[in-house]
Protein backbone atom coordinates (compact mmCIF):
# COMPACT_ATOMS: atom_id res chain seq x y z
CA MET A 1 -2.86 21.87 29.45
CA ASN A 2 -3.50 25.54 28.32
CA GLN A 3 -0.85 25.44 25.54
CA THR A 4 -2.53 22.63 23.58
CA TRP A 5 -0.77 23.87 20.55
CA LEU A 6 1.98 21.78 22.09
CA SER A 7 -0.10 18.44 20.95
CA ILE A 8 0.57 19.31 17.36
CA ILE A 9 4.95 19.27 18.16
CA PRO A 10 4.56 15.10 18.21
CA PHE A 11 2.74 15.14 14.58
CA LEU A 12 4.55 18.35 13.43
CA VAL A 13 8.15 15.81 14.00
CA VAL A 14 6.70 12.39 12.98
CA ILE A 15 5.39 13.25 9.37
CA PRO A 16 8.67 15.10 8.22
CA ILE A 17 11.21 12.51 9.44
CA ALA A 18 9.12 9.61 8.41
CA VAL A 19 8.99 10.92 4.70
CA LYS A 20 12.67 11.93 5.13
CA THR A 21 13.54 8.53 6.15
CA ARG A 22 10.82 6.60 4.25
CA GLN A 23 10.70 4.81 7.71
CA VAL A 24 7.89 5.12 9.91
CA LEU A 25 8.92 3.84 13.10
CA PRO A 26 11.95 5.91 13.42
CA GLY A 27 9.50 8.67 13.09
CA LEU A 28 6.68 7.62 15.48
CA PHE A 29 9.20 6.89 17.86
CA ILE A 30 11.03 10.35 17.97
CA GLY A 31 7.26 12.08 17.90
CA PHE A 32 7.05 9.78 20.79
CA LEU A 33 9.74 10.94 22.35
CA ALA A 34 9.68 14.65 22.00
CA GLY A 35 5.94 14.41 23.70
CA CYS A 36 7.16 12.72 26.41
CA TYR A 37 9.86 15.43 26.85
CA LEU A 38 7.06 18.12 26.40
CA LEU A 39 5.38 16.60 29.22
CA GLU A 40 8.04 15.97 31.61
CA PRO A 41 10.86 18.85 30.66
CA SER A 42 13.68 17.25 32.29
CA LEU A 43 16.96 15.12 31.63
CA ILE A 44 15.59 11.36 32.26
CA GLY A 45 11.81 12.89 33.04
CA GLY A 46 10.78 12.25 29.41
CA LEU A 47 12.35 9.00 29.21
CA LYS A 48 10.69 7.89 32.18
CA LYS A 49 7.38 9.00 30.43
CA MET A 50 7.94 6.89 27.64
CA ILE A 51 8.56 3.87 29.50
CA THR A 52 5.27 4.34 31.62
CA PHE A 53 3.22 4.65 28.82
CA VAL A 54 4.99 1.94 26.86
CA ILE A 55 4.24 -0.38 29.82
CA GLU A 56 0.57 1.08 30.13
CA GLY A 57 -0.07 0.26 26.78
CA LEU A 58 1.33 -3.44 27.09
CA THR A 59 -0.45 -4.44 30.19
CA ASP A 60 -4.68 -2.84 28.95
CA LYS A 61 -6.00 -6.14 28.50
CA SER A 62 -7.06 -5.35 24.93
CA ASN A 63 -4.12 -4.52 24.11
CA LEU A 64 -2.56 -7.98 25.13
CA LYS A 65 -5.09 -9.67 23.03
CA ILE A 66 -4.45 -7.82 20.08
CA LEU A 67 -0.63 -8.30 20.08
CA LEU A 68 -1.33 -12.58 21.09
CA PHE A 69 -3.45 -12.43 18.02
CA LEU A 70 -0.97 -10.93 15.35
CA TYR A 71 1.78 -13.17 16.71
CA ALA A 72 -0.22 -16.72 16.91
CA PHE A 73 -1.83 -15.80 13.66
CA SER A 74 2.11 -15.41 11.62
CA GLY A 75 2.94 -18.06 13.80
CA LEU A 76 0.14 -20.09 11.98
CA VAL A 77 1.52 -18.91 8.77
CA GLY A 78 4.53 -20.19 9.49
CA ILE A 79 3.94 -23.86 10.42
CA ILE A 80 1.58 -23.93 7.34
CA LYS A 81 4.58 -23.03 5.00
CA LEU A 82 6.70 -25.65 6.83
CA SER A 83 4.02 -28.24 6.18
CA GLY A 84 4.13 -27.88 2.71
CA GLY A 85 0.88 -26.49 2.73
CA ILE A 86 1.28 -23.06 0.51
CA ARG A 87 3.44 -25.49 -1.98
CA GLY A 88 1.04 -27.61 -2.56
CA PHE A 89 -1.46 -25.27 -2.65
CA VAL A 90 0.60 -24.05 -5.63
CA GLU A 91 1.38 -27.15 -7.09
CA ALA A 92 -2.47 -28.17 -7.34
CA ALA A 93 -3.85 -24.90 -8.43
CA SER A 94 -1.23 -24.14 -11.44
CA SER A 95 -1.51 -28.04 -13.15
CA ARG A 96 -5.21 -27.49 -13.62
CA ILE A 97 -4.94 -23.76 -14.83
CA GLN A 98 -4.77 -23.72 -18.63
CA THR A 99 -5.93 -20.25 -19.87
CA LYS A 100 -5.19 -16.74 -19.01
CA LYS A 101 -8.77 -16.19 -18.12
CA GLY A 102 -8.86 -19.52 -15.74
CA ALA A 103 -5.87 -18.27 -14.21
CA LEU A 104 -7.01 -14.59 -13.64
CA PHE A 105 -10.01 -16.29 -12.48
CA LEU A 106 -8.33 -18.00 -10.36
CA THR A 107 -6.75 -15.16 -8.51
CA TYR A 108 -9.95 -13.97 -7.58
CA VAL A 109 -11.46 -16.87 -6.04
CA SER A 110 -8.74 -17.82 -4.27
CA THR A 111 -9.04 -14.72 -2.28
CA ILE A 112 -11.91 -16.45 -0.51
CA GLY A 113 -8.83 -19.00 1.02
CA THR A 114 -5.78 -16.63 1.17
CA PHE A 115 -7.63 -13.38 2.90
CA SER A 116 -5.96 -13.63 5.93
CA ALA A 117 -3.07 -11.03 5.02
CA PRO A 118 -1.28 -9.50 1.88
CA SER A 119 1.91 -11.27 2.23
CA PHE A 120 -0.26 -14.81 2.87
CA ARG A 121 -1.70 -14.13 -0.94
CA PHE A 122 1.63 -13.13 -2.32
CA VAL A 123 3.52 -16.38 -1.49
CA THR A 124 -0.16 -18.38 -2.31
CA ILE A 125 -1.00 -16.92 -5.62
CA ALA A 126 1.95 -15.14 -7.36
CA PRO A 127 4.06 -18.52 -7.60
CA ILE A 128 1.29 -20.05 -9.52
CA MET A 129 0.96 -17.27 -12.00
CA ARG A 130 4.74 -16.93 -12.48
CA SER A 131 4.99 -21.12 -13.05
CA LEU A 132 1.87 -20.12 -15.27
CA MET A 133 3.95 -17.40 -17.63
CA LYS A 134 4.08 -19.16 -20.78
CA LYS A 135 0.13 -19.70 -20.89
CA VAL A 136 -1.47 -16.78 -19.32
CA LYS A 137 0.30 -14.66 -22.44
CA MET A 138 0.52 -11.16 -20.61
CA SER A 139 3.62 -9.29 -19.01
CA THR A 140 4.59 -9.91 -15.65
CA GLN A 141 4.02 -6.25 -14.61
CA GLU A 142 0.20 -6.69 -15.90
CA LEU A 143 0.15 -10.11 -13.62
CA GLY A 144 1.37 -8.19 -10.32
CA PHE A 145 -0.95 -5.53 -10.59
CA VAL A 146 -3.62 -8.30 -11.39
CA ILE A 147 -2.43 -10.08 -8.03
CA GLU A 148 -2.04 -6.26 -5.90
CA THR A 149 -5.65 -5.55 -6.34
CA THR A 150 -6.70 -9.23 -4.77
CA ALA A 151 -4.40 -8.31 -1.89
CA THR A 152 -4.90 -4.90 0.45
CA PRO A 153 -7.48 -3.42 -1.23
CA ILE A 154 -10.04 -6.72 -0.30
CA ILE A 155 -8.37 -7.71 2.99
CA VAL A 156 -9.02 -4.15 4.63
CA LEU A 157 -12.67 -4.46 3.69
CA ILE A 158 -12.62 -7.94 5.51
CA PRO A 159 -14.16 -7.80 9.33
CA ILE A 160 -13.00 -11.38 10.40
CA ALA A 161 -10.27 -13.51 10.58
CA THR A 162 -6.94 -11.11 8.68
CA ALA A 163 -4.45 -9.82 10.35
CA PHE A 164 -5.27 -6.67 9.43
CA VAL A 165 -8.87 -6.37 11.36
CA GLY A 166 -7.53 -6.42 15.20
CA TYR A 167 -4.64 -3.66 14.06
CA MET A 168 -7.32 -1.40 12.69
CA THR A 169 -10.00 -1.73 15.49
CA SER A 170 -7.16 -0.75 17.99
CA ILE A 171 -6.19 1.95 15.87
CA VAL A 172 -10.10 2.94 16.48
CA ASP A 173 -10.35 2.31 19.94
CA MET A 174 -7.25 4.57 20.52
CA ALA A 175 -8.99 7.50 18.95
CA LEU A 176 -11.97 7.23 20.27
CA GLU A 177 -10.38 7.03 24.08
CA ASN A 178 -8.57 10.28 23.21
CA GLU A 179 -12.04 11.63 21.79
CA LYS A 180 -13.62 10.62 25.18
CA ILE A 181 -16.23 9.20 22.86
CA LYS A 182 -18.20 6.05 23.88
CA GLY A 183 -18.48 3.50 21.49
CA ASP A 184 -17.57 0.13 19.85
CA ALA A 185 -14.39 0.10 17.59
CA TYR A 186 -15.26 -3.25 15.86
CA SER A 187 -18.36 -1.48 15.39
CA LEU A 188 -17.65 1.28 13.71
CA PHE A 189 -15.15 -0.43 11.80
CA ILE A 190 -17.53 -2.56 10.34
CA GLN A 191 -19.72 0.51 9.32
CA SER A 192 -16.72 2.36 7.82
CA ILE A 193 -16.04 -0.78 5.14
CA PRO A 194 -18.72 0.68 2.48
CA TYR A 195 -16.68 4.66 2.89
CA ASN A 196 -13.42 2.90 1.99
CA PHE A 197 -13.57 4.24 -1.41
CA PHE A 198 -10.38 3.80 -2.50
CA SER A 199 -10.30 -0.06 -2.29
CA ILE A 200 -13.90 -0.33 -3.83
CA VAL A 201 -12.47 1.92 -6.90
CA MET A 202 -9.65 -0.33 -6.89
CA ILE A 203 -11.22 -3.66 -7.17
CA ILE A 204 -13.68 -2.38 -9.99
CA LEU A 205 -10.59 -0.75 -11.59
CA GLY A 206 -8.97 -4.05 -11.46
CA ILE A 207 -11.76 -6.41 -12.45
CA TYR A 208 -12.13 -4.24 -15.21
CA LEU A 209 -8.62 -3.95 -16.92
CA SER A 210 -8.12 -8.16 -15.68
CA PHE A 211 -11.45 -9.20 -17.85
CA PHE A 212 -12.78 -6.37 -20.08
CA HIS A 213 -9.56 -4.17 -21.10
CA HIS A 214 -7.34 -5.27 -24.37
CA SER A 215 -3.44 -4.10 -23.04
CA SER A 216 -1.30 -3.00 -25.75
CA SER A 217 1.73 -4.27 -23.09
CA GLN A 218 3.77 -7.02 -24.40
CA PRO A 219 4.00 -10.05 -22.94
CA MET A 220 7.28 -11.37 -21.22
CA SER A 221 10.01 -8.68 -22.01
CA SER A 222 13.57 -8.72 -22.04
CA ASN A 223 13.74 -7.12 -18.46
CA GLU A 224 10.79 -9.28 -16.77
CA SER A 225 10.94 -12.83 -15.52
CA ILE A 226 9.82 -16.26 -18.04
CA GLU A 227 10.54 -19.64 -16.46
CA THR A 228 14.13 -21.55 -17.13
CA GLU A 229 16.28 -24.05 -15.35
CA GLU A 230 18.09 -21.54 -13.33
CA ASP A 231 14.93 -19.05 -12.36
CA ASP A 232 12.65 -21.73 -11.23
CA TRP A 233 9.52 -20.38 -10.03
CA HIS A 234 10.40 -22.80 -6.78
CA ASN A 235 13.32 -20.16 -5.88
CA CYS A 236 10.87 -17.58 -5.52
CA ASP A 237 9.84 -17.80 -2.24
CA PRO A 238 11.04 -20.09 0.64
CA ALA A 239 7.21 -21.17 0.86
CA VAL A 240 7.59 -22.69 -2.16
CA SER A 241 10.85 -24.34 -1.97
CA LYS A 242 11.51 -27.82 -3.70
CA ASP A 243 12.31 -29.12 -0.16
CA LEU A 244 9.01 -28.61 1.46
CA PRO A 245 6.35 -31.55 1.26
CA VAL A 246 3.65 -30.98 -1.12
CA LYS A 247 0.43 -31.39 0.97
CA PRO A 248 -2.33 -28.38 0.33
CA TRP A 249 -4.89 -29.68 2.40
CA ASN A 250 -2.38 -28.68 4.99
CA LEU A 251 -3.32 -24.91 4.02
CA LEU A 252 -6.88 -25.56 3.52
CA ILE A 253 -7.87 -27.17 6.64
CA PRO A 254 -6.20 -24.80 9.18
CA LEU A 255 -7.92 -21.79 7.13
CA ILE A 256 -11.72 -23.58 7.10
CA ILE A 257 -11.47 -24.43 10.67
CA ALA A 258 -10.34 -20.40 11.29
CA VAL A 259 -12.85 -19.12 9.38
CA SER A 260 -15.73 -21.20 10.40
CA LEU A 261 -14.54 -21.42 14.24
CA THR A 262 -14.03 -17.33 14.10
CA LEU A 263 -17.95 -17.01 12.64
CA PHE A 264 -19.38 -19.84 15.03
CA LEU A 265 -17.55 -18.31 18.09
CA THR A 266 -18.68 -14.55 17.46
CA TRP A 267 -22.05 -16.02 17.06
CA TRP A 268 -21.89 -18.11 20.10
CA ASP A 269 -20.67 -15.11 22.30
CA GLY A 270 -22.88 -12.76 21.08
CA SER A 271 -26.09 -14.96 21.49
CA LYS A 272 -25.49 -14.53 24.94
CA LYS A 273 -25.88 -10.88 25.09
CA SER A 274 -28.78 -10.47 22.15
CA GLU A 275 -31.64 -12.59 20.60
CA GLY A 276 -31.30 -12.91 17.15
CA PHE A 277 -28.76 -13.78 14.59
CA PHE A 278 -27.49 -10.91 13.01
CA ASN A 279 -27.76 -9.07 16.64
CA ALA A 280 -25.80 -11.83 18.03
CA PHE A 281 -23.13 -10.46 15.48
CA ILE A 282 -23.33 -7.04 16.42
CA LYS A 283 -23.01 -7.99 20.46
CA ALA A 284 -20.37 -10.16 20.20
CA ASP A 285 -16.81 -9.57 21.29
CA VAL A 286 -15.02 -10.32 18.39
CA LEU A 287 -11.80 -10.10 19.44
CA ASP A 288 -11.83 -12.85 21.77
CA ALA A 289 -13.68 -14.89 19.51
CA MET A 290 -10.65 -14.29 16.55
CA VAL A 291 -7.95 -15.06 19.36
CA MET A 292 -9.89 -17.81 20.72
CA ALA A 293 -10.86 -19.32 17.37
CA LEU A 294 -7.07 -19.21 16.07
CA ILE A 295 -5.43 -20.51 19.19
CA ILE A 296 -7.60 -23.75 18.57
CA THR A 297 -6.72 -23.79 15.24
CA ILE A 298 -3.32 -23.98 16.09
CA LEU A 299 -2.99 -26.59 18.35
CA PHE A 300 -5.41 -28.37 15.73
CA SER A 301 -3.02 -27.85 13.04
CA PHE A 302 0.05 -28.69 14.90
CA PHE A 303 -1.55 -32.33 16.28
CA TYR A 304 -2.32 -32.21 12.34
CA TYR A 305 1.26 -31.89 10.94
CA ARG A 306 2.60 -34.10 13.98
CA PHE A 307 0.26 -36.89 12.73
CA GLN A 308 1.96 -36.49 9.14
CA GLY A 309 5.47 -37.43 10.84
CA VAL A 310 6.36 -33.22 10.95
CA LYS A 311 8.81 -33.31 14.38
CA THR A 312 7.91 -30.96 17.26
CA GLY A 313 11.34 -29.21 17.40
CA PRO A 314 10.72 -27.85 13.63
CA LEU A 315 6.77 -27.12 13.91
CA MET A 316 7.90 -25.43 17.40
CA GLU A 317 10.95 -22.97 15.51
CA GLY A 318 8.40 -22.44 12.27
CA PHE A 319 5.85 -21.18 14.56
CA ILE A 320 8.25 -18.64 16.41
CA ALA A 321 9.97 -17.91 12.87
CA GLY A 322 6.71 -17.24 11.97
CA GLY A 323 5.40 -14.91 14.94
CA ASN A 324 8.46 -13.20 14.56
CA GLU A 325 8.17 -11.84 11.61
CA LEU A 326 4.78 -9.98 12.86
CA MET A 327 7.49 -8.35 15.70
CA SER A 328 8.37 -5.16 13.90
CA VAL A 329 4.22 -4.31 13.37
CA ILE A 330 4.18 -5.12 17.01
CA VAL A 331 6.59 -2.51 17.66
CA LEU A 332 5.02 -0.27 15.45
CA LEU A 333 1.74 -0.76 17.30
CA THR A 334 3.45 0.05 20.93
CA VAL A 335 4.53 3.34 19.81
CA VAL A 336 1.41 4.28 18.26
CA TRP A 337 -0.50 3.79 21.73
CA GLY A 338 2.10 5.74 23.59
CA LEU A 339 2.10 8.49 20.61
CA SER A 340 -1.80 8.59 20.77
CA SER A 341 -1.47 8.52 24.76
CA VAL A 342 1.03 11.69 25.03
CA THR A 343 -1.19 13.53 22.43
CA ASP A 344 -3.81 13.40 24.46
CA LYS A 345 -2.07 14.43 27.85
CA LEU A 346 -1.04 17.51 25.78
CA GLY A 347 -4.42 18.05 24.60
CA PHE A 348 -4.91 17.24 20.82
CA SER A 349 -8.75 17.01 20.89
CA ARG A 350 -8.94 20.00 22.18
CA PHE A 351 -6.50 21.97 19.91
CA ILE A 352 -8.35 20.86 16.74
CA THR A 353 -11.66 21.67 18.32
CA ASP A 354 -10.42 24.94 18.84
CA HIS A 355 -8.53 25.51 15.74
CA SER A 356 -10.40 23.49 12.85
CA GLY A 357 -13.09 25.78 12.58
CA TRP A 358 -11.47 27.62 9.60
CA ILE A 359 -11.76 24.79 7.34
CA PRO A 360 -15.14 24.12 5.42
CA SER A 361 -16.48 20.71 6.67
CA ALA A 362 -17.03 20.00 3.04
CA PHE A 363 -13.43 19.54 2.30
CA VAL A 364 -12.26 17.97 5.32
CA THR A 365 -13.06 14.48 4.39
CA PRO A 366 -11.39 14.89 0.75
CA ALA A 367 -8.58 16.55 2.32
CA LEU A 368 -8.10 14.24 4.76
CA PHE A 369 -7.84 11.63 1.80
CA VAL A 370 -5.34 13.14 -0.02
CA PHE A 371 -3.37 14.45 2.73
CA GLY A 372 -3.25 10.79 4.10
CA ALA A 373 -2.46 9.07 -0.09
CA ALA A 374 0.28 11.43 -0.11
CA VAL A 375 2.26 10.69 3.17
CA SER A 376 1.26 6.79 2.91
CA TYR A 377 2.68 6.83 -0.35
CA PHE A 378 6.37 8.30 0.89
CA ILE A 379 6.17 6.46 3.41
CA GLY A 380 5.31 3.39 1.97
CA SER A 381 3.39 2.24 4.78
CA ALA A 382 -0.56 1.97 4.76
CA TRP A 383 -0.91 1.00 9.41
CA GLY A 384 1.86 3.82 9.85
CA THR A 385 -0.48 6.15 8.27
CA TRP A 386 -3.78 4.79 9.96
CA GLY A 387 -1.03 5.55 13.54
CA ILE A 388 -0.40 9.06 12.60
CA LEU A 389 -4.18 9.95 11.12
CA MET A 390 -6.63 8.37 12.78
CA PRO A 391 -6.71 10.69 16.09
CA LEU A 392 -6.65 13.74 13.52
CA GLY A 393 -9.48 12.07 11.35
CA ILE A 394 -11.46 11.40 14.15
CA SER A 395 -11.01 14.75 15.92
CA MET A 396 -11.53 16.76 13.09
CA SER A 397 -14.63 14.69 12.53
CA GLN A 398 -15.92 15.71 15.94
CA ALA A 399 -15.53 19.43 15.66
CA ALA A 400 -16.55 19.90 11.79
CA GLY A 401 -19.62 17.55 12.92
CA ILE A 402 -19.27 14.71 10.31
CA SER A 403 -20.04 11.59 10.37
CA LEU A 404 -17.46 8.97 12.14
CA PRO A 405 -17.62 5.71 9.56
CA LEU A 406 -17.21 8.05 6.51
CA VAL A 407 -13.80 9.48 8.44
CA ILE A 408 -12.55 6.48 9.35
CA GLY A 409 -12.86 4.76 5.94
CA ALA A 410 -10.83 8.07 4.65
CA VAL A 411 -8.12 7.38 6.72
CA PHE A 412 -8.09 3.51 6.16
CA ALA A 413 -8.77 4.28 2.29
CA SER A 414 -5.91 6.83 3.03
CA GLY A 415 -3.28 4.40 3.99
CA THR A 416 -4.38 1.33 1.30
CA PHE A 417 -3.41 3.57 -1.42
CA GLY A 418 0.20 4.20 -0.08
CA ALA A 419 0.22 -0.01 0.44
CA PHE A 420 -0.65 -0.30 -3.22
CA ALA A 421 0.88 2.39 -5.08
CA SER A 422 4.64 3.09 -3.58
CA PRO A 423 8.11 1.89 -4.14
CA LEU A 424 8.28 1.68 -0.95
CA SER A 425 5.44 -0.71 0.35
CA ASP A 426 5.96 -4.19 1.32
CA ASP A 427 3.50 -5.28 -1.52
CA THR A 428 4.85 -3.77 -4.07
CA ASN A 429 8.72 -5.40 -3.03
CA THR A 430 7.08 -8.47 -2.28
CA ILE A 431 5.14 -8.42 -5.62
CA ALA A 432 8.43 -7.28 -7.54
CA ARG A 433 10.59 -10.03 -5.51
CA ILE A 434 8.38 -13.09 -6.59
CA LEU A 435 7.98 -12.16 -9.92
CA ASN A 436 12.05 -10.89 -10.21
CA LEU A 437 10.12 -7.17 -11.75
CA PRO A 438 12.51 -3.99 -11.41
CA VAL A 439 10.92 -2.68 -8.14
CA ILE A 440 10.91 1.37 -9.35
CA ASP A 441 9.57 0.19 -13.07
CA TYR A 442 6.81 -1.50 -11.64
CA ALA A 443 5.91 0.82 -9.15
CA LYS A 444 5.80 3.13 -12.24
CA TYR A 445 3.42 0.93 -14.20
CA LYS A 446 0.53 0.89 -11.17
CA LEU A 447 0.94 4.65 -10.36
CA LYS A 448 -1.05 5.31 -13.22
CA PRO A 449 -4.42 3.57 -11.98
CA ALA A 450 -3.70 3.80 -8.42
CA LEU A 451 -3.75 7.99 -9.43
CA ILE A 452 -7.16 7.40 -11.14
CA ALA A 453 -8.47 5.20 -8.57
CA ALA A 454 -7.92 8.10 -6.13
CA GLY A 455 -8.82 11.07 -8.51
CA ILE A 456 -12.44 9.08 -8.18
CA THR A 457 -12.11 8.17 -4.57
CA ALA A 458 -11.61 12.03 -3.63
CA VAL A 459 -14.16 12.99 -5.78
CA LEU A 460 -16.72 10.37 -4.23
CA TYR A 461 -15.64 11.87 -0.65
CA GLY A 462 -16.55 15.16 -1.86
CA VAL A 463 -19.91 13.93 -3.04
CA SER A 464 -20.50 12.09 0.19
CA MET A 465 -20.39 15.16 2.17
CA LEU A 466 -23.90 16.61 0.53
CA PHE A 467 -25.43 13.83 3.08
CA PHE A 468 -23.34 14.15 5.88
CA PHE A 469 -22.91 17.36 7.23
């Protein structure tokens, strides 16, 4: 289209509505619909166009694999909970920890086995820490902060077997297609990991505050959670309910199989396309490997739990209930795909190229991070922020001649800030619920270290521009 300025209208709709409603999906949907009516300005033309884009997105082979992975992954977590795997892990770990340092060390080390998703981390490690409140001698807010620094900031840096990697790769792939850039989205995601400066800084800051900084806050203040008969930690989440069996291996075995199979199948697929061990991982279709590994793990887990006496009906219900927990994410991803297609048809890439020349290249990446961090804080969604900003970031990187991995890392970093710091984020609210903390007070407590990390991150992006443009 000649009037490429129309391509920014969907984004001008999305961001204000998302910030106003503090919900990302309504803003994305209305922006998507507005873009469709710009393409087909008739009574039902816009609706028809929207349905067409949705169908195209849902029938794309790669997109279907991502949706299958997300649903199946969440379903696996559902049957692990049902089988008592999470409760068993919590009971076994809490009985062995005697000191504050031991509890903090467990928090970090347990990431090795529970890195699949933030919610998975929270329901495994937070109940352990809550059960140890009398031993660890630290405030519940400090506990929450330590747990959160080992969740999203770490998980976004892990390139396999997480609920994030499929979505993050899809967002990159979508933006590459809009720019008509030939490249492997997964490889670019891998290359962007060292440039997610906020996550790296937040992890380092979390380790420092956990092990080397002596806090002046008092443990177990009056408005914080302490262990009582009426407020038993078993009631903090259904995954650790007293009604469930105590079987830690029901958590550990499926996770070991899923990760091991993912690595093996990735290598196996890549070995057919390239010689050398490391080259095999680069050339492999990682999404295919992750989906296959996940399906095999689910089948094994199903028969493993059946052998233990868990009935088929509850297992199926647990799988479906677990999968349905990610339906909101699947809907979000569908709308993001549609919005991306609309803005591409409206000429978004050309508009950015023609009208972003006045921005000094040295400021593009720091400004993108700061803007994205503000958006993610007010909407409380890392995934929504990535969906909104990735097309903008990659378009600007092409216009300014900036390294793609650097810009992709900055977009992912900006969303991670909101997931960690925002009082609206799922992470903040889940931890506050499990640890019985007032949400706003807890969010205020961790905002200062998050802003310190964000400030350092912005400086690092500014310095990086000395080498990348």
